[in-house]
Amino acid sequence: DSAVSLVDSFVETANVTFTELTDCDIDAYVASGEPMDKAGSYGIQGIGGQIVSGLQGDFFAVMGLPMHGLSRSLMAAFNSTNIDAYD
């Protein structure tokens, strides 16, 4: 049996700063419908990006899929197997 079972986890963090918003700004954003299906109630890759004034950390972690961390984790998992990538 050549089945491989791997478990890994990692955490990415980022600090997002929002611009100062008026009640009218918030009402307009909510009315757009965009925040209704977002874990943090904003989408940095969409309309919500207009209310972000700063970001420290991984943009993709904020967006929802930390590409760098994921690719590093997948590569480590792959390298821990005896599978030849070029076979």
C-alpha atoms as a PDB file:
ATOM      1  CA  ASP A   1       0.000   0.000   0.000  1.00  0.00           C
ATOM      2  CA  SER A   2       1.514   3.316  -1.056  1.00  0.00           C
ATOM      3  CA  ALA A   3      -1.059   5.535   0.687  1.00  0.00           C
ATOM      4  CA  VAL A   4       0.422   8.506   2.522  1.00  0.00           C
ATOM      5  CA  SER A   5      -1.388  10.214   5.398  1.00  0.00           C
ATOM      6  CA  LEU A   6      -0.163  13.691   6.278  1.00  0.00           C
ATOM      7  CA  VAL A   7      -1.556  16.290   8.664  1.00  0.00           C
ATOM      8  CA  ASP A   8      -0.219  19.820   8.905  1.00  0.00           C
ATOM      9  CA  SER A   9      -1.430  23.208  10.001  1.00  0.00           C
ATOM     10  CA  PHE A  10      -0.127  26.741   9.926  1.00  0.00           C
ATOM     11  CA  VAL A  11      -1.302  30.209  10.859  1.00  0.00           C
ATOM     12  CA  GLU A  12      -0.880  33.464   8.974  1.00  0.00           C
ATOM     13  CA  THR A  13      -1.611  36.823  10.566  1.00  0.00           C
ATOM     14  CA  ALA A  14      -2.195  40.255   9.125  1.00  0.00           C
ATOM     15  CA  ASN A  15      -3.170  43.647  10.495  1.00  0.00           C
ATOM     16  CA  VAL A  16      -5.722  45.558   8.450  1.00  0.00           C
ATOM     17  CA  THR A  17      -6.443  49.240   9.037  1.00  0.00           C
ATOM     18  CA  PHE A  18      -9.699  50.751   7.855  1.00  0.00           C
ATOM     19  CA  THR A  19     -10.231  54.343   6.919  1.00  0.00           C
ATOM     20  CA  GLU A  20     -12.560  56.361   9.119  1.00  0.00           C
ATOM     21  CA  LEU A  21     -16.117  55.611   8.016  1.00  0.00           C
ATOM     22  CA  THR A  22     -19.299  57.592   8.405  1.00  0.00           C
ATOM     23  CA  ASP A  23     -22.635  55.941   9.090  1.00  0.00           C
ATOM     24  CA  CYS A  24     -23.527  56.737   5.473  1.00  0.00           C
ATOM     25  CA  ASP A  25     -20.355  54.937   4.245  1.00  0.00           C
ATOM     26  CA  ILE A  26     -21.223  51.866   6.314  1.00  0.00           C
ATOM     27  CA  ASP A  27     -24.860  51.860   5.188  1.00  0.00           C
ATOM     28  CA  ALA A  28     -23.795  52.102   1.527  1.00  0.00           C
ATOM     29  CA  TYR A  29     -21.322  49.239   1.892  1.00  0.00           C
ATOM     30  CA  VAL A  30     -23.888  47.025   3.622  1.00  0.00           C
ATOM     31  CA  ALA A  31     -26.451  47.918   0.942  1.00  0.00           C
ATOM     32  CA  SER A  32     -23.997  46.689  -1.721  1.00  0.00           C
ATOM     33  CA  GLY A  33     -24.499  43.172  -0.345  1.00  0.00           C
ATOM     34  CA  GLU A  34     -20.769  42.424  -0.454  1.00  0.00           C
ATOM     35  CA  PRO A  35     -20.202  41.997   3.298  1.00  0.00           C
ATOM     36  CA  MET A  36     -23.040  39.522   3.749  1.00  0.00           C
ATOM     37  CA  ASP A  37     -21.042  36.400   2.874  1.00  0.00           C
ATOM     38  CA  LYS A  38     -17.653  37.432   4.245  1.00  0.00           C
ATOM     39  CA  ALA A  39     -16.177  36.088   7.486  1.00  0.00           C
ATOM     40  CA  GLY A  40     -14.887  39.533   8.432  1.00  0.00           C
ATOM     41  CA  SER A  41     -17.795  41.352   6.764  1.00  0.00           C
ATOM     42  CA  TYR A  42     -15.616  42.898   4.083  1.00  0.00           C
ATOM     43  CA  GLY A  43     -13.901  41.742   0.925  1.00  0.00           C
ATOM     44  CA  ILE A  44     -10.481  43.329   0.466  1.00  0.00           C
ATOM     45  CA  GLN A  45     -10.435  42.114  -3.151  1.00  0.00           C
ATOM     46  CA  GLY A  46     -13.742  43.864  -3.906  1.00  0.00           C
ATOM     47  CA  ILE A  47     -15.531  47.043  -2.907  1.00  0.00           C
ATOM     48  CA  GLY A  48     -14.230  46.593   0.641  1.00  0.00           C
ATOM     49  CA  GLY A  49     -10.712  47.290  -0.598  1.00  0.00           C
ATOM     50  CA  GLN A  50     -11.743  50.932  -0.879  1.00  0.00           C
ATOM     51  CA  ILE A  51     -12.175  51.182   2.899  1.00  0.00           C
ATOM     52  CA  VAL A  52      -8.777  49.624   3.719  1.00  0.00           C
ATOM     53  CA  SER A  53      -6.122  52.249   4.336  1.00  0.00           C
ATOM     54  CA  GLY A  54      -3.315  49.907   5.363  1.00  0.00           C
ATOM     55  CA  LEU A  55      -2.216  46.290   5.475  1.00  0.00           C
ATOM     56  CA  GLN A  56       0.669  44.658   7.315  1.00  0.00           C
ATOM     57  CA  GLY A  57       1.081  41.022   6.456  1.00  0.00           C
ATOM     58  CA  ASP A  58      -0.035  38.654   3.755  1.00  0.00           C
ATOM     59  CA  PHE A  59      -2.694  40.049   1.403  1.00  0.00           C
ATOM     60  CA  PHE A  60      -3.739  36.528   0.432  1.00  0.00           C
ATOM     61  CA  ALA A  61      -4.285  35.567   4.080  1.00  0.00           C
ATOM     62  CA  VAL A  62      -6.687  38.495   4.346  1.00  0.00           C
ATOM     63  CA  MET A  63      -8.373  37.445   1.126  1.00  0.00           C
ATOM     64  CA  GLY A  64      -8.910  33.951   2.514  1.00  0.00           C
ATOM     65  CA  LEU A  65      -6.217  31.653   1.105  1.00  0.00           C
ATOM     66  CA  PRO A  66      -2.640  32.255   2.267  1.00  0.00           C
ATOM     67  CA  MET A  67      -0.925  31.130  -0.925  1.00  0.00           C
ATOM     68  CA  HIS A  68       2.663  31.308   0.353  1.00  0.00           C
ATOM     69  CA  GLY A  69       1.960  29.378   3.554  1.00  0.00           C
ATOM     70  CA  LEU A  70      -0.120  26.822   1.702  1.00  0.00           C
ATOM     71  CA  SER A  71       2.503  26.222  -0.975  1.00  0.00           C
ATOM     72  CA  ARG A  72       5.244  25.851   1.674  1.00  0.00           C
ATOM     73  CA  SER A  73       3.108  23.372   3.610  1.00  0.00           C
ATOM     74  CA  LEU A  74       2.287  21.373   0.493  1.00  0.00           C
ATOM     75  CA  MET A  75       5.940  21.291  -0.577  1.00  0.00           C
ATOM     76  CA  ALA A  76       7.019  20.098   2.878  1.00  0.00           C
ATOM     77  CA  ALA A  77       4.368  17.362   2.753  1.00  0.00           C
ATOM     78  CA  PHE A  78       5.430  16.325  -0.735  1.00  0.00           C
ATOM     79  CA  ASN A  79       9.109  16.305   0.251  1.00  0.00           C
ATOM     80  CA  SER A  80       8.347  14.045   3.209  1.00  0.00           C
ATOM     81  CA  THR A  81       7.154  11.301   0.862  1.00  0.00           C
ATOM     82  CA  ASN A  82       9.269   8.997  -1.256  1.00  0.00           C
ATOM     83  CA  ILE A  83       7.467  10.036  -4.406  1.00  0.00           C
ATOM     84  CA  ASP A  84       9.668  11.145  -7.294  1.00  0.00           C
ATOM     85  CA  ALA A  85       8.168  14.371  -8.674  1.00  0.00           C
ATOM     86  CA  TYR A  86       9.752  13.722 -12.054  1.00  0.00           C
ATOM     87  CA  ASP A  87       8.818  10.070 -12.375  1.00  0.00           C
END
